[in-house]
Amino acid sequence: MTSRFLDDFTPGQHFTTPGVTLTEADIIDFAWRYDPQPFHLDVTAAANSPYGGLIASGFQSLALCFRLFIQSGLLAESSMGSPGIDELRWLLPVRPGDTLHGRVEVLEVRPSRSKPDRGIARFKYQAVNQRGETVLSFIVNHLLRCRPA
């Protein structure tokens, strides 16, 4: 996709990313490094957990959904980071073999009052599995450059 700037986005626009399938090894590797809880690390312990089997860390699902959108290249020339994430919700567990893709909706575009070369675009992200179930949602406040004159 072609890189876009703040002025190129309008509320209501939607974008869909390609999907990626998580393997058991992906889940365990991430958990060892970042979220070492038994239901993310150990198949036997996970089977005896409330989840009834191994599940991915919610942080892994969050990072994956964000990465898929960033890799689209839409923000390659305009991104200046983010002042934060709002309304993060983990809705359903992600299991080995699940394929996730991202759905992203532009909620709001707000030019800066004090710095006319930038503004905030609020995007709602959803990670959706192969069954069409939303497993995760969050809102990112992207700080974006305006299109150069």
C-alpha atoms as a PDB file:
ATOM      1  CA  MET A   1       0.000   0.000   0.000  1.00  0.00           C
ATOM      2  CA  THR A   2       1.080   3.569  -0.602  1.00  0.00           C
ATOM      3  CA  SER A   3       2.228   5.573   2.394  1.00  0.00           C
ATOM      4  CA  ARG A   4      -0.308   8.104   3.649  1.00  0.00           C
ATOM      5  CA  PHE A   5      -0.265  11.226   5.773  1.00  0.00           C
ATOM      6  CA  LEU A   6      -2.675  12.607   8.358  1.00  0.00           C
ATOM      7  CA  ASP A   7      -4.656  14.508   5.700  1.00  0.00           C
ATOM      8  CA  ASP A   8      -5.177  11.317   3.675  1.00  0.00           C
ATOM      9  CA  PHE A   9      -7.246   9.614   6.386  1.00  0.00           C
ATOM     10  CA  THR A  10     -10.957  10.102   7.012  1.00  0.00           C
ATOM     11  CA  PRO A  11     -13.160   8.620   9.725  1.00  0.00           C
ATOM     12  CA  GLY A  12     -14.826   5.434   8.584  1.00  0.00           C
ATOM     13  CA  GLN A  13     -11.990   4.193   6.370  1.00  0.00           C
ATOM     14  CA  HIS A  14     -11.192   0.485   6.854  1.00  0.00           C
ATOM     15  CA  PHE A  15      -8.051  -1.525   6.167  1.00  0.00           C
ATOM     16  CA  THR A  16      -7.482  -5.288   6.354  1.00  0.00           C
ATOM     17  CA  THR A  17      -4.068  -6.881   6.796  1.00  0.00           C
ATOM     18  CA  PRO A  18      -2.822 -10.244   5.603  1.00  0.00           C
ATOM     19  CA  GLY A  19      -2.961 -13.060   8.139  1.00  0.00           C
ATOM     20  CA  VAL A  20      -0.326 -14.950  10.080  1.00  0.00           C
ATOM     21  CA  THR A  21      -0.603 -18.342  11.758  1.00  0.00           C
ATOM     22  CA  LEU A  22       0.789 -18.835  15.259  1.00  0.00           C
ATOM     23  CA  THR A  23       2.517 -22.119  15.981  1.00  0.00           C
ATOM     24  CA  GLU A  24       2.980 -23.752  19.362  1.00  0.00           C
ATOM     25  CA  ALA A  25       6.692 -22.879  19.113  1.00  0.00           C
ATOM     26  CA  ASP A  26       5.883 -19.203  18.395  1.00  0.00           C
ATOM     27  CA  ILE A  27       3.663 -19.030  21.457  1.00  0.00           C
ATOM     28  CA  ILE A  28       6.127 -20.722  23.807  1.00  0.00           C
ATOM     29  CA  ASP A  29       9.094 -18.706  22.505  1.00  0.00           C
ATOM     30  CA  PHE A  30       7.280 -15.389  23.066  1.00  0.00           C
ATOM     31  CA  ALA A  31       6.138 -16.493  26.513  1.00  0.00           C
ATOM     32  CA  TRP A  32       9.671 -17.450  27.621  1.00  0.00           C
ATOM     33  CA  ARG A  33      10.913 -14.012  26.660  1.00  0.00           C
ATOM     34  CA  TYR A  34       8.013 -11.747  27.666  1.00  0.00           C
ATOM     35  CA  ASP A  35       5.124 -13.413  29.519  1.00  0.00           C
ATOM     36  CA  PRO A  36       6.273 -16.573  31.342  1.00  0.00           C
ATOM     37  CA  GLN A  37       2.969 -17.829  32.697  1.00  0.00           C
ATOM     38  CA  PRO A  38       2.282 -21.601  32.745  1.00  0.00           C
ATOM     39  CA  PHE A  39      -0.691 -21.472  30.346  1.00  0.00           C
ATOM     40  CA  HIS A  40       1.587 -19.827  27.742  1.00  0.00           C
ATOM     41  CA  LEU A  41       4.643 -22.034  28.360  1.00  0.00           C
ATOM     42  CA  ASP A  42       3.698 -25.565  29.322  1.00  0.00           C
ATOM     43  CA  VAL A  43       1.256 -27.748  27.390  1.00  0.00           C
ATOM     44  CA  THR A  44       0.511 -29.951  30.430  1.00  0.00           C
ATOM     45  CA  ALA A  45       0.002 -27.033  32.830  1.00  0.00           C
ATOM     46  CA  ALA A  46      -2.109 -25.256  30.218  1.00  0.00           C
ATOM     47  CA  ALA A  47      -4.351 -28.312  29.832  1.00  0.00           C
ATOM     48  CA  ASN A  48      -5.146 -28.049  33.543  1.00  0.00           C
ATOM     49  CA  SER A  49      -5.729 -24.286  33.424  1.00  0.00           C
ATOM     50  CA  PRO A  50      -9.075 -22.543  32.967  1.00  0.00           C
ATOM     51  CA  TYR A  51      -8.200 -22.322  29.232  1.00  0.00           C
ATOM     52  CA  GLY A  52      -7.961 -26.109  28.752  1.00  0.00           C
ATOM     53  CA  GLY A  53      -4.839 -25.807  26.604  1.00  0.00           C
ATOM     54  CA  LEU A  54      -1.957 -23.641  25.523  1.00  0.00           C
ATOM     55  CA  ILE A  55      -2.849 -20.038  24.628  1.00  0.00           C
ATOM     56  CA  ALA A  56      -0.837 -17.130  23.261  1.00  0.00           C
ATOM     57  CA  SER A  57       0.018 -14.184  25.460  1.00  0.00           C
ATOM     58  CA  GLY A  58      -2.330 -11.285  24.893  1.00  0.00           C
ATOM     59  CA  PHE A  59       0.762  -9.118  24.460  1.00  0.00           C
ATOM     60  CA  GLN A  60       1.859 -11.357  21.600  1.00  0.00           C
ATOM     61  CA  SER A  61      -1.520 -10.975  19.892  1.00  0.00           C
ATOM     62  CA  LEU A  62      -1.390  -7.197  20.420  1.00  0.00           C
ATOM     63  CA  ALA A  63       2.121  -6.889  18.983  1.00  0.00           C
ATOM     64  CA  LEU A  64       1.266  -9.149  16.063  1.00  0.00           C
ATOM     65  CA  CYS A  65      -1.875  -7.211  15.113  1.00  0.00           C
ATOM     66  CA  PHE A  66       0.017  -3.912  15.313  1.00  0.00           C
ATOM     67  CA  ARG A  67       2.952  -5.299  13.302  1.00  0.00           C
ATOM     68  CA  LEU A  68       0.683  -6.539  10.509  1.00  0.00           C
ATOM     69  CA  PHE A  69      -0.766  -3.059  10.027  1.00  0.00           C
ATOM     70  CA  ILE A  70       2.590  -1.268  10.274  1.00  0.00           C
ATOM     71  CA  GLN A  71       4.028  -3.658   7.672  1.00  0.00           C
ATOM     72  CA  SER A  72       1.348  -2.482   5.229  1.00  0.00           C
ATOM     73  CA  GLY A  73       3.470   0.645   4.807  1.00  0.00           C
ATOM     74  CA  LEU A  74       0.561   3.067   5.189  1.00  0.00           C
ATOM     75  CA  LEU A  75       2.336   5.012   7.924  1.00  0.00           C
ATOM     76  CA  ALA A  76       5.912   4.580   6.636  1.00  0.00           C
ATOM     77  CA  GLU A  77       6.463   8.268   5.867  1.00  0.00           C
ATOM     78  CA  SER A  78       4.114   9.870   8.375  1.00  0.00           C
ATOM     79  CA  SER A  79       4.423   8.055  11.696  1.00  0.00           C
ATOM     80  CA  MET A  80       5.918  10.005  14.563  1.00  0.00           C
ATOM     81  CA  GLY A  81       5.038   7.420  17.214  1.00  0.00           C
ATOM     82  CA  SER A  82       2.081   7.352  19.537  1.00  0.00           C
ATOM     83  CA  PRO A  83       1.105   9.014  22.797  1.00  0.00           C
ATOM     84  CA  GLY A  84      -0.763   5.877  23.847  1.00  0.00           C
ATOM     85  CA  ILE A  85      -3.215   3.032  23.455  1.00  0.00           C
ATOM     86  CA  ASP A  86      -6.802   3.146  24.719  1.00  0.00           C
ATOM     87  CA  GLU A  87      -9.462   0.533  25.412  1.00  0.00           C
ATOM     88  CA  LEU A  88      -7.282  -2.583  25.122  1.00  0.00           C
ATOM     89  CA  ARG A  89      -9.458  -5.698  25.390  1.00  0.00           C
ATOM     90  CA  TRP A  90      -8.478  -9.364  25.135  1.00  0.00           C
ATOM     91  CA  LEU A  91     -11.738 -10.999  24.082  1.00  0.00           C
ATOM     92  CA  LEU A  92     -10.920 -14.625  23.231  1.00  0.00           C
ATOM     93  CA  PRO A  93      -7.875 -16.871  23.662  1.00  0.00           C
ATOM     94  CA  VAL A  94      -5.543 -17.420  20.720  1.00  0.00           C
ATOM     95  CA  ARG A  95      -4.366 -21.004  20.321  1.00  0.00           C
ATOM     96  CA  PRO A  96      -1.650 -22.767  18.312  1.00  0.00           C
ATOM     97  CA  GLY A  97      -2.774 -23.006  14.690  1.00  0.00           C
ATOM     98  CA  ASP A  98      -4.947 -19.882  14.826  1.00  0.00           C
ATOM     99  CA  THR A  99      -4.472 -17.475  11.941  1.00  0.00           C
ATOM    100  CA  LEU A 100      -4.904 -13.816  12.834  1.00  0.00           C
ATOM    101  CA  HIS A 101      -5.359 -10.831  10.577  1.00  0.00           C
ATOM    102  CA  GLY A 102      -5.981  -7.214  11.462  1.00  0.00           C
ATOM    103  CA  ARG A 103      -8.947  -5.001  10.750  1.00  0.00           C
ATOM    104  CA  VAL A 104      -8.263  -1.324  11.269  1.00  0.00           C
ATOM    105  CA  GLU A 105     -10.804   1.501  11.218  1.00  0.00           C
ATOM    106  CA  VAL A 106     -10.074   5.232  11.254  1.00  0.00           C
ATOM    107  CA  LEU A 107     -12.151   6.698  14.098  1.00  0.00           C
ATOM    108  CA  GLU A 108     -10.965  10.293  14.206  1.00  0.00           C
ATOM    109  CA  VAL A 109      -8.476  12.638  12.531  1.00  0.00           C
ATOM    110  CA  ARG A 110      -7.464  15.701  14.524  1.00  0.00           C
ATOM    111  CA  PRO A 111      -4.893  18.221  13.234  1.00  0.00           C
ATOM    112  CA  SER A 112      -2.735  19.812  15.937  1.00  0.00           C
ATOM    113  CA  ARG A 113      -3.709  23.350  16.947  1.00  0.00           C
ATOM    114  CA  SER A 114      -0.166  24.297  17.919  1.00  0.00           C
ATOM    115  CA  LYS A 115       1.905  22.375  15.331  1.00  0.00           C
ATOM    116  CA  PRO A 116       0.355  22.545  11.850  1.00  0.00           C
ATOM    117  CA  ASP A 117       2.700  19.895  10.405  1.00  0.00           C
ATOM    118  CA  ARG A 118       1.095  17.052  12.417  1.00  0.00           C
ATOM    119  CA  GLY A 119      -1.912  15.691  14.247  1.00  0.00           C
ATOM    120  CA  ILE A 120      -3.520  12.655  15.871  1.00  0.00           C
ATOM    121  CA  ALA A 121      -5.378   9.912  14.047  1.00  0.00           C
ATOM    122  CA  ARG A 122      -7.278   7.451  16.246  1.00  0.00           C
ATOM    123  CA  PHE A 123      -7.403   3.951  14.735  1.00  0.00           C
ATOM    124  CA  LYS A 124      -9.389   1.043  16.148  1.00  0.00           C
ATOM    125  CA  TYR A 125      -7.538  -2.236  15.696  1.00  0.00           C
ATOM    126  CA  GLN A 126      -9.146  -5.669  15.825  1.00  0.00           C
ATOM    127  CA  ALA A 127      -7.350  -8.997  15.593  1.00  0.00           C
ATOM    128  CA  VAL A 128      -9.647 -11.518  13.924  1.00  0.00           C
ATOM    129  CA  ASN A 129      -9.087 -15.284  13.767  1.00  0.00           C
ATOM    130  CA  GLN A 130      -9.786 -17.717  10.932  1.00  0.00           C
ATOM    131  CA  ARG A 131     -13.362 -18.224  12.206  1.00  0.00           C
ATOM    132  CA  GLY A 132     -14.112 -14.495  11.938  1.00  0.00           C
ATOM    133  CA  GLU A 133     -14.048 -14.043  15.720  1.00  0.00           C
ATOM    134  CA  THR A 134     -12.560 -10.852  17.139  1.00  0.00           C
ATOM    135  CA  VAL A 135      -9.971 -11.959  19.704  1.00  0.00           C
ATOM    136  CA  LEU A 136      -8.534  -8.546  20.594  1.00  0.00           C
ATOM    137  CA  SER A 137      -9.353  -4.870  20.170  1.00  0.00           C
ATOM    138  CA  PHE A 138      -7.571  -1.637  21.002  1.00  0.00           C
ATOM    139  CA  ILE A 139      -7.361   1.998  19.891  1.00  0.00           C
ATOM    140  CA  VAL A 140      -4.050   3.588  18.946  1.00  0.00           C
ATOM    141  CA  ASN A 141      -3.591   7.343  18.946  1.00  0.00           C
ATOM    142  CA  HIS A 142      -1.143   7.735  16.064  1.00  0.00           C
ATOM    143  CA  LEU A 143       0.904  10.930  15.879  1.00  0.00           C
ATOM    144  CA  LEU A 144       1.178  11.539  12.125  1.00  0.00           C
ATOM    145  CA  ARG A 145       2.799  14.117   9.893  1.00  0.00           C
ATOM    146  CA  CYS A 146       0.627  16.098   7.490  1.00  0.00           C
ATOM    147  CA  ARG A 147       1.345  15.842   3.786  1.00  0.00           C
ATOM    148  CA  PRO A 148       4.307  18.086   2.904  1.00  0.00           C
ATOM    149  CA  ALA A 149       3.323  21.225   0.986  1.00  0.00           C
END
